[in-house]
C-alpha atoms as a PDB file:
ATOM      1  CA  MET A   1      92.136 269.203 250.881  1.00  0.00           C
ATOM      2  CA  GLN A   2      93.576 270.752 247.547  1.00  0.00           C
ATOM      3  CA  TRP A   3      96.433 270.370 245.671  1.00  0.00           C
ATOM      4  CA  ARG A   4      97.633 273.165 242.367  1.00  0.00           C
ATOM      5  CA  VAL A   5      99.460 273.743 240.061  1.00  0.00           C
ATOM      6  CA  LYS A   6     102.754 276.658 241.466  1.00  0.00           C
ATOM      7  CA  PRO A   7     102.344 280.167 240.094  1.00  0.00           C
ATOM      8  CA  VAL A   8     105.593 279.696 238.382  1.00  0.00           C
ATOM      9  CA  LEU A   9     104.581 277.388 235.833  1.00  0.00           C
ATOM     10  CA  PRO A  10     102.164 279.345 233.692  1.00  0.00           C
ATOM     11  CA  VAL A  11     103.978 282.873 234.309  1.00  0.00           C
ATOM     12  CA  THR A  12     107.105 280.642 233.051  1.00  0.00           C
ATOM     13  CA  LYS A  13     105.117 279.403 230.243  1.00  0.00           C
ATOM     14  CA  LEU A  14     103.436 282.938 229.270  1.00  0.00           C
ATOM     15  CA  MET A  15     106.880 284.512 229.136  1.00  0.00           C
ATOM     16  CA  GLY A  16     108.056 281.871 226.125  1.00  0.00           C
ATOM     17  CA  ALA A  17     105.668 282.453 224.128  1.00  0.00           C
ATOM     18  CA  ALA A  18     106.380 285.856 224.295  1.00  0.00           C
ATOM     19  CA  ALA A  19     109.873 285.119 224.200  1.00  0.00           C
ATOM     20  CA  VAL A  20     108.818 283.182 221.019  1.00  0.00           C
ATOM     21  CA  VAL A  21     106.811 286.277 219.601  1.00  0.00           C
ATOM     22  CA  VAL A  22     110.231 288.602 220.028  1.00  0.00           C
ATOM     23  CA  LEU A  23     112.535 285.740 218.494  1.00  0.00           C
ATOM     24  CA  ALA A  24     109.992 285.311 215.440  1.00  0.00           C
ATOM     25  CA  VAL A  25     110.107 289.223 214.872  1.00  0.00           C
ATOM     26  CA  ALA A  26     114.215 289.794 215.198  1.00  0.00           C
ATOM     27  CA  PHE A  27     114.625 286.351 213.180  1.00  0.00           C
ATOM     28  CA  ALA A  28     112.209 285.293 210.487  1.00  0.00           C
ATOM     29  CA  GLY A  29     111.915 288.221 208.336  1.00  0.00           C
ATOM     30  CA  HIS A  30     109.434 287.187 205.447  1.00  0.00           C
ATOM     31  CA  ASP A  31     109.937 283.470 206.014  1.00  0.00           C
ATOM     32  CA  SER A  32     106.357 282.055 206.009  1.00  0.00           C
ATOM     33  CA  ILE A  33     107.434 278.548 207.573  1.00  0.00           C
ATOM     34  CA  ARG A  34     109.423 280.125 210.660  1.00  0.00           C
ATOM     35  CA  TRP A  35     106.184 282.428 211.045  1.00  0.00           C
ATOM     36  CA  ALA A  36     103.874 279.370 210.821  1.00  0.00           C
ATOM     37  CA  LEU A  37     106.143 277.518 213.421  1.00  0.00           C
ATOM     38  CA  ALA A  38     106.613 281.138 215.887  1.00  0.00           C
ATOM     39  CA  VAL A  39     102.497 280.930 215.959  1.00  0.00           C
ATOM     40  CA  LEU A  40     102.432 277.434 216.763  1.00  0.00           C
ATOM     41  CA  VAL A  41     104.461 277.286 219.084  1.00  0.00           C
ATOM     42  CA  GLY A  42     103.897 280.207 220.896  1.00  0.00           C
ATOM     43  CA  ALA A  43     100.055 279.170 220.828  1.00  0.00           C
ATOM     44  CA  GLY A  44     100.634 276.155 222.226  1.00  0.00           C
ATOM     45  CA  LEU A  45     102.412 277.561 225.118  1.00  0.00           C
ATOM     46  CA  ALA A  46     100.099 280.072 225.738  1.00  0.00           C
ATOM     47  CA  LEU A  47      97.042 277.695 225.565  1.00  0.00           C
ATOM     48  CA  TRP A  48      99.085 275.737 227.951  1.00  0.00           C
ATOM     49  CA  ALA A  49      99.782 278.270 230.694  1.00  0.00           C
ATOM     50  CA  LEU A  50      95.771 279.098 230.000  1.00  0.00           C
ATOM     51  CA  ARG A  51      95.226 275.322 231.344  1.00  0.00           C
ATOM     52  CA  ASP A  52      97.032 276.179 233.963  1.00  0.00           C
ATOM     53  CA  LEU A  53      95.272 279.359 234.790  1.00  0.00           C
ATOM     54  CA  LEU A  54      91.900 278.445 234.289  1.00  0.00           C
ATOM     55  CA  VAL A  55      92.215 274.904 236.127  1.00  0.00           C
ATOM     56  CA  PRO A  56      94.625 275.826 238.899  1.00  0.00           C
ATOM     57  CA  VAL A  57      93.211 272.736 241.057  1.00  0.00           C
ATOM     58  CA  ARG A  58      94.814 269.204 239.938  1.00  0.00           C
ATOM     59  CA  LEU A  59      93.752 267.086 242.725  1.00  0.00           C
ATOM     60  CA  ALA A  60      91.719 267.542 245.418  1.00  0.00           C
ATOM     61  CA  ALA A  61      90.568 264.435 247.951  1.00  0.00           C
ATOM     62  CA  ASP A  62      88.006 264.521 250.932  1.00  0.00           C
ATOM     63  CA  ALA A  63      86.677 261.040 252.616  1.00  0.00           C
ATOM     64  CA  ALA A  64      84.425 260.748 250.170  1.00  0.00           C
ATOM     65  CA  GLY A  65      87.080 260.257 247.031  1.00  0.00           C
ATOM     66  CA  VAL A  66      89.580 262.166 244.704  1.00  0.00           C
ATOM     67  CA  THR A  67      88.868 264.560 241.750  1.00  0.00           C
ATOM     68  CA  VAL A  68      91.368 264.938 239.561  1.00  0.00           C
ATOM     69  CA  VAL A  69      91.391 266.930 236.210  1.00  0.00           C
ATOM     70  CA  THR A  70      91.093 265.106 233.186  1.00  0.00           C
ATOM     71  CA  GLY A  71      91.586 266.505 229.465  1.00  0.00           C
ATOM     72  CA  PHE A  72      92.085 270.016 229.166  1.00  0.00           C
ATOM     73  CA  ALA A  73      90.016 271.382 231.607  1.00  0.00           C
ATOM     74  CA  GLY A  74      87.607 268.840 232.355  1.00  0.00           C
ATOM     75  CA  ARG A  75      87.513 266.891 236.369  1.00  0.00           C
ATOM     76  CA  ARG A  76      86.246 263.623 237.473  1.00  0.00           C
ATOM     77  CA  HIS A  77      85.572 262.410 240.912  1.00  0.00           C
ATOM     78  CA  VAL A  78      86.909 259.112 242.187  1.00  0.00           C
ATOM     79  CA  ARG A  79      85.584 257.363 244.965  1.00  0.00           C
ATOM     80  CA  TRP A  80      87.902 255.680 247.258  1.00  0.00           C
ATOM     81  CA  SER A  81      86.197 252.256 246.778  1.00  0.00           C
ATOM     82  CA  GLU A  82      87.177 252.681 242.678  1.00  0.00           C
ATOM     83  CA  VAL A  83      90.509 253.435 243.605  1.00  0.00           C
ATOM     84  CA  GLU A  84      92.757 250.638 243.380  1.00  0.00           C
ATOM     85  CA  ARG A  85      96.256 251.996 244.280  1.00  0.00           C
ATOM     86  CA  VAL A  86      98.054 255.343 245.019  1.00  0.00           C
ATOM     87  CA  ARG A  87     101.920 254.948 245.187  1.00  0.00           C
ATOM     88  CA  VAL A  88     104.533 257.272 244.170  1.00  0.00           C
ATOM     89  CA  ASP A  89     106.453 256.108 241.248  1.00  0.00           C
ATOM     90  CA  ARG A  90     110.209 256.974 240.927  1.00  0.00           C
ATOM     91  CA  THR A  91     112.184 256.756 237.915  1.00  0.00           C
ATOM     92  CA  THR A  92     115.567 258.024 236.679  1.00  0.00           C
ATOM     93  CA  ARG A  93     116.552 258.149 233.207  1.00  0.00           C
ATOM     94  CA  ARG A  94     120.114 259.889 232.143  1.00  0.00           C
ATOM     95  CA  GLY A  95     120.821 260.637 235.581  1.00  0.00           C
ATOM     96  CA  LEU A  96     117.548 262.500 236.126  1.00  0.00           C
ATOM     97  CA  ARG A  97     114.816 261.325 238.916  1.00  0.00           C
ATOM     98  CA  SER A  98     111.188 261.902 238.624  1.00  0.00           C
ATOM     99  CA  GLU A  99     108.893 261.289 241.176  1.00  0.00           C
ATOM    100  CA  LEU A 100     105.144 260.691 240.189  1.00  0.00           C
ATOM    101  CA  LEU A 101     102.053 260.667 242.320  1.00  0.00           C
ATOM    102  CA  GLU A 102      99.960 257.938 240.676  1.00  0.00           C
ATOM    103  CA  ILE A 103      96.655 256.874 241.197  1.00  0.00           C
ATOM    104  CA  ASP A 104      95.517 253.808 239.291  1.00  0.00           C
ATOM    105  CA  ALA A 105      91.381 253.840 239.105  1.00  0.00           C
ATOM    106  CA  GLY A 106      90.948 250.830 237.398  1.00  0.00           C
ATOM    107  CA  ASP A 107      89.956 252.107 234.424  1.00  0.00           C
ATOM    108  CA  ALA A 108      92.597 254.867 234.462  1.00  0.00           C
ATOM    109  CA  ILE A 109      95.994 255.974 236.110  1.00  0.00           C
ATOM    110  CA  TYR A 110      96.471 259.764 236.659  1.00  0.00           C
ATOM    111  CA  LEU A 111     100.058 260.941 237.247  1.00  0.00           C
ATOM    112  CA  PHE A 112     101.018 264.070 239.008  1.00  0.00           C
ATOM    113  CA  GLY A 113     104.029 265.480 239.795  1.00  0.00           C
ATOM    114  CA  LYS A 114     105.575 267.895 241.754  1.00  0.00           C
ATOM    115  CA  GLN A 115     105.054 271.314 239.996  1.00  0.00           C
ATOM    116  CA  GLU A 116     101.770 270.118 238.850  1.00  0.00           C
ATOM    117  CA  LEU A 117     100.610 269.345 242.931  1.00  0.00           C
ATOM    118  CA  GLY A 118     102.623 272.078 244.460  1.00  0.00           C
ATOM    119  CA  ALA A 119     103.835 269.828 246.889  1.00  0.00           C
ATOM    120  CA  HIS A 120     106.067 266.740 247.047  1.00  0.00           C
ATOM    121  CA  PRO A 121     104.433 263.404 245.460  1.00  0.00           C
ATOM    122  CA  GLU A 122     105.460 261.731 248.942  1.00  0.00           C
ATOM    123  CA  ASP A 123     104.222 264.224 251.197  1.00  0.00           C
ATOM    124  CA  VAL A 124     100.805 264.384 249.413  1.00  0.00           C
ATOM    125  CA  LEU A 125     100.407 260.216 249.549  1.00  0.00           C
ATOM    126  CA  THR A 126     101.210 260.742 253.069  1.00  0.00           C
ATOM    127  CA  GLU A 127      98.388 262.925 253.433  1.00  0.00           C
ATOM    128  CA  LEU A 128      95.937 260.367 250.830  1.00  0.00           C
ATOM    129  CA  ALA A 129      96.459 257.688 252.679  1.00  0.00           C
ATOM    130  CA  GLY A 130      95.420 259.495 255.892  1.00  0.00           C
ATOM    131  CA  LEU A 131      92.217 260.123 254.542  1.00  0.00           C
ATOM    132  CA  ARG A 132      91.658 256.993 252.768  1.00  0.00           C
ATOM    133  CA  THR A 133      91.059 254.958 255.808  1.00  0.00           C
END
């Protein structure tokens, strides 16, 4: 089983990078600080989108364990015996509710949101529970 980033995310990030460039052309003029900020923000958004394009699968699972993305584009396989807990972390802040799938591997905790998984975290938790047993 695999869960991947929704395709709309990298597209949105690339559109944001393009919008930053357009705004810089329209409003930065000869101000080098505005140009520098526009380049930094645009490059950051483009790199963030590139990560989504290069490593769209954020979580994969099978009978042996789970494979998670670490860092920019690295992967780590965690055996089920190393997984201490899998749960959905629900928080409400300023009226906004968020749910994250939390995989506690002892030395590291991996968090995945709905957009990263392309599915609701509760549904992924149910499927992982079926694989783990």
